[in-house]
């Protein structure tokens, strides 16, 4: 694995650090990202995470259950064309899929954002909730009990979704967080 400082300048990285500060206060924050070059498990990377080609990481969940309500924090960047980011903390089974990749995670985050912004007593909240859900471009999902997390982002140029970061949390006694970065597709410039 190689250290990847290029990832730490991206919005999804800043969202991850905010989320860790909210949901894991007092834990040792990651100083950077370790790039995973292939599918070989190394230093904490491995099941339930896997590499999904150019789409980055995915995770496999042993079961799925709807109706679980994870904690969430929504962040907005920009005024003219705001982009939304959401940090979600709870059991990965709440996502409702056994295989979670960038597309599944973004759909889940957009649904949560809509639900958060929509007021059932105010029909005028629908357009704002729809715009907010569509503007979700960065997602951080943290499953504290399983000790894993997954971060998704939408590329601002291509609009393609990917999960560039996988998170592994140590035990409560250890209180450390490690992040793993997916290899960049060949020929893609760094941001």
Protein backbone atom coordinates (compact mmCIF):
# COMPACT_ATOMS: atom_id res chain seq x y z
CA UNK A 1 0.00 0.00 0.00
CA UNK A 2 1.13 3.57 -0.58
CA UNK A 3 0.23 6.77 1.24
CA UNK A 4 -2.15 8.92 -0.84
CA UNK A 5 -2.07 12.64 0.04
CA UNK A 6 -4.07 13.55 -3.11
CA UNK A 7 -7.30 12.31 -1.52
CA UNK A 8 -7.07 14.55 1.55
CA UNK A 9 -7.86 17.71 -0.46
CA UNK A 10 -11.23 16.41 -1.70
CA UNK A 11 -14.63 17.32 -0.19
CA UNK A 12 -15.39 13.68 0.68
CA UNK A 13 -12.26 13.59 2.89
CA UNK A 14 -13.32 16.72 4.78
CA UNK A 15 -16.80 15.25 5.19
CA UNK A 16 -15.29 12.05 6.58
CA UNK A 17 -13.27 13.97 9.17
CA UNK A 18 -16.37 15.94 10.20
CA UNK A 19 -18.38 12.75 10.52
CA UNK A 20 -15.71 11.03 12.58
CA UNK A 21 -15.57 14.08 14.86
CA UNK A 22 -19.34 13.93 15.37
CA UNK A 23 -19.79 10.17 15.74
CA UNK A 24 -16.40 9.11 17.14
CA UNK A 25 -15.24 12.04 19.29
CA UNK A 26 -11.90 11.46 20.96
CA UNK A 27 -10.81 8.76 18.51
CA UNK A 28 -7.49 9.08 16.70
CA UNK A 29 -8.30 10.56 13.29
CA UNK A 30 -6.56 9.23 10.19
CA UNK A 31 -3.64 11.37 9.03
CA UNK A 32 -4.04 10.22 5.44
CA UNK A 33 -5.07 7.42 3.14
CA UNK A 34 -3.36 4.19 2.23
CA UNK A 35 -3.88 3.29 -1.42
CA UNK A 36 -4.90 -0.30 -2.06
CA UNK A 37 -3.32 -1.45 -5.30
CA UNK A 38 -5.13 -4.74 -5.83
CA UNK A 39 -7.69 -6.98 -4.21
CA UNK A 40 -5.18 -8.62 -1.86
CA UNK A 41 -6.08 -8.08 1.77
CA UNK A 42 -3.42 -6.01 3.49
CA UNK A 43 -3.24 -4.24 6.81
CA UNK A 44 -6.98 -4.20 7.58
CA UNK A 45 -8.37 -3.98 4.05
CA UNK A 46 -10.38 -7.00 3.11
CA UNK A 47 -13.79 -8.51 3.80
CA UNK A 48 -16.43 -7.21 3.93
CA UNK A 49 -14.86 -4.64 1.54
CA UNK A 50 -13.89 -5.35 -2.05
CA UNK A 51 -12.65 -3.35 -5.03
CA UNK A 52 -15.13 -2.71 -7.82
CA UNK A 53 -12.88 -1.66 -10.70
CA UNK A 54 -13.16 2.04 -11.55
CA UNK A 55 -16.09 2.48 -9.14
CA UNK A 56 -13.83 2.07 -6.10
CA UNK A 57 -14.86 0.13 -3.03
CA UNK A 58 -17.97 -1.78 -2.17
CA UNK A 59 -19.00 -3.75 0.89
CA UNK A 60 -20.94 -6.96 1.34
CA UNK A 61 -23.52 -6.97 4.11
CA UNK A 62 -24.58 -10.30 5.65
CA UNK A 63 -28.22 -9.24 5.97
CA UNK A 64 -30.48 -6.36 5.06
CA UNK A 65 -33.30 -4.80 7.02
CA UNK A 66 -35.42 -1.81 6.20
CA UNK A 67 -36.90 0.35 8.90
CA UNK A 68 -33.69 0.96 10.83
CA UNK A 69 -33.14 4.67 11.45
CA UNK A 70 -29.48 5.64 11.35
CA UNK A 71 -28.20 8.96 12.69
CA UNK A 72 -27.40 11.57 10.05
CA UNK A 73 -25.91 15.01 9.61
CA UNK A 74 -26.38 16.99 6.40
CA UNK A 75 -23.83 19.56 5.25
CA UNK A 76 -24.25 22.13 2.47
CA UNK A 77 -21.40 23.69 0.45
CA UNK A 78 -21.84 26.77 -1.73
CA UNK A 79 -24.63 29.29 -2.14
CA UNK A 80 -25.41 29.67 -5.86
CA UNK A 81 -25.18 25.97 -6.75
CA UNK A 82 -25.12 24.18 -3.40
CA UNK A 83 -23.88 20.63 -3.12
CA UNK A 84 -24.99 18.49 -0.24
CA UNK A 85 -22.97 16.02 1.75
CA UNK A 86 -24.39 13.65 4.33
CA UNK A 87 -22.77 11.65 7.10
CA UNK A 88 -24.79 8.63 8.18
CA UNK A 89 -23.97 6.49 11.22
CA UNK A 90 -25.77 3.26 11.95
CA UNK A 91 -25.93 -0.40 11.00
CA UNK A 92 -25.01 -1.10 7.39
CA UNK A 93 -28.06 -3.39 7.20
CA UNK A 94 -30.20 -0.21 7.21
CA UNK A 95 -29.05 0.52 3.65
CA UNK A 96 -31.30 -2.34 2.54
CA UNK A 97 -28.91 -4.09 0.17
CA UNK A 98 -26.50 -6.97 0.64
CA UNK A 99 -24.02 -5.39 -1.76
CA UNK A 100 -23.31 -1.70 -1.23
CA UNK A 101 -21.44 0.22 -3.92
CA UNK A 102 -21.37 3.88 -4.93
CA UNK A 103 -24.77 3.81 -6.65
CA UNK A 104 -26.55 2.06 -3.79
CA UNK A 105 -24.95 4.32 -1.18
CA UNK A 106 -25.84 7.50 -3.08
CA UNK A 107 -29.47 6.40 -3.56
CA UNK A 108 -29.73 5.65 0.16
CA UNK A 109 -28.18 9.01 1.09
CA UNK A 110 -30.47 10.88 -1.30
CA UNK A 111 -33.52 9.16 0.17
CA UNK A 112 -32.41 10.10 3.71
CA UNK A 113 -31.75 13.68 2.62
CA UNK A 114 -35.21 13.94 1.05
CA UNK A 115 -36.83 12.52 4.19
CA UNK A 116 -34.90 14.98 6.36
CA UNK A 117 -35.81 18.05 4.28
CA UNK A 118 -39.43 17.13 3.49
CA UNK A 119 -42.00 18.43 5.96
CA UNK A 120 -45.27 16.49 5.74
CA UNK A 121 -47.16 19.56 7.01
CA UNK A 122 -45.74 21.83 4.27
CA UNK A 123 -46.29 20.96 0.61
CA UNK A 124 -43.92 23.81 -0.28
CA UNK A 125 -41.03 21.78 1.16
CA UNK A 126 -41.23 19.22 -1.66
CA UNK A 127 -39.26 21.19 -4.28
CA UNK A 128 -36.54 22.04 -1.74
CA UNK A 129 -36.34 18.41 -0.57
CA UNK A 130 -36.10 17.14 -4.16
CA UNK A 131 -33.37 19.68 -5.05
CA UNK A 132 -31.49 18.81 -1.87
CA UNK A 133 -31.66 15.08 -2.55
CA UNK A 134 -30.44 15.55 -6.13
CA UNK A 135 -27.58 17.77 -4.91
CA UNK A 136 -26.07 15.07 -2.67
CA UNK A 137 -22.56 14.59 -4.04
CA UNK A 138 -20.64 13.26 -1.04
CA UNK A 139 -21.66 10.51 1.37
CA UNK A 140 -19.94 9.06 4.41
CA UNK A 141 -21.47 5.94 5.96
CA UNK A 142 -20.10 4.71 9.29
CA UNK A 143 -21.14 1.43 10.92
CA UNK A 144 -19.61 1.76 14.38
CA UNK A 145 -20.69 -1.72 15.54
CA UNK A 146 -19.13 -3.46 12.53
CA UNK A 147 -16.11 -1.13 12.57
CA UNK A 148 -16.41 -0.20 8.88
CA UNK A 149 -17.29 2.77 6.75
CA UNK A 150 -17.65 3.66 3.10
CA UNK A 151 -17.39 7.04 1.39
CA UNK A 152 -18.97 7.88 -1.96
CA UNK A 153 -18.59 10.92 -4.19
CA UNK A 154 -19.87 12.18 -7.51
CA UNK A 155 -17.16 13.34 -9.90
CA UNK A 156 -17.89 17.00 -10.66
CA UNK A 157 -16.79 16.64 -14.30
CA UNK A 158 -18.10 13.24 -15.41
CA UNK A 159 -20.93 12.95 -12.82
CA UNK A 160 -19.84 9.32 -12.29
CA UNK A 161 -20.26 7.93 -8.79
CA UNK A 162 -17.43 6.12 -7.02
CA UNK A 163 -16.44 5.01 -3.53
CA UNK A 164 -12.83 6.17 -3.25
CA UNK A 165 -12.51 5.51 0.49
CA UNK A 166 -13.04 2.54 2.76
CA UNK A 167 -12.83 3.07 6.52
CA UNK A 168 -11.80 0.57 9.17
CA UNK A 169 -12.37 1.49 12.83
CA UNK A 170 -10.44 -0.17 15.61
CA UNK A 171 -11.99 -1.50 18.78
CA UNK A 172 -13.25 0.96 21.42
CA UNK A 173 -10.10 0.17 23.43
CA UNK A 174 -7.88 0.94 20.42
CA UNK A 175 -9.86 4.05 19.25
CA UNK A 176 -8.13 4.37 15.87
CA UNK A 177 -9.44 4.90 12.37
CA UNK A 178 -7.69 3.81 9.16
CA UNK A 179 -8.70 4.84 5.67
CA UNK A 180 -7.97 3.02 2.43
CA UNK A 181 -8.07 4.60 -1.00
CA UNK A 182 -9.08 2.83 -4.18
CA UNK A 183 -6.60 2.88 -7.03
CA UNK A 184 -7.27 5.57 -9.62
CA UNK A 185 -8.38 4.36 -13.02
CA UNK A 186 -5.45 4.64 -15.44
CA UNK A 187 -5.24 7.87 -17.38
CA UNK A 188 -7.34 9.80 -14.89
CA UNK A 189 -5.77 13.05 -13.65
CA UNK A 190 -5.73 13.72 -9.94
CA UNK A 191 -7.97 16.46 -8.60
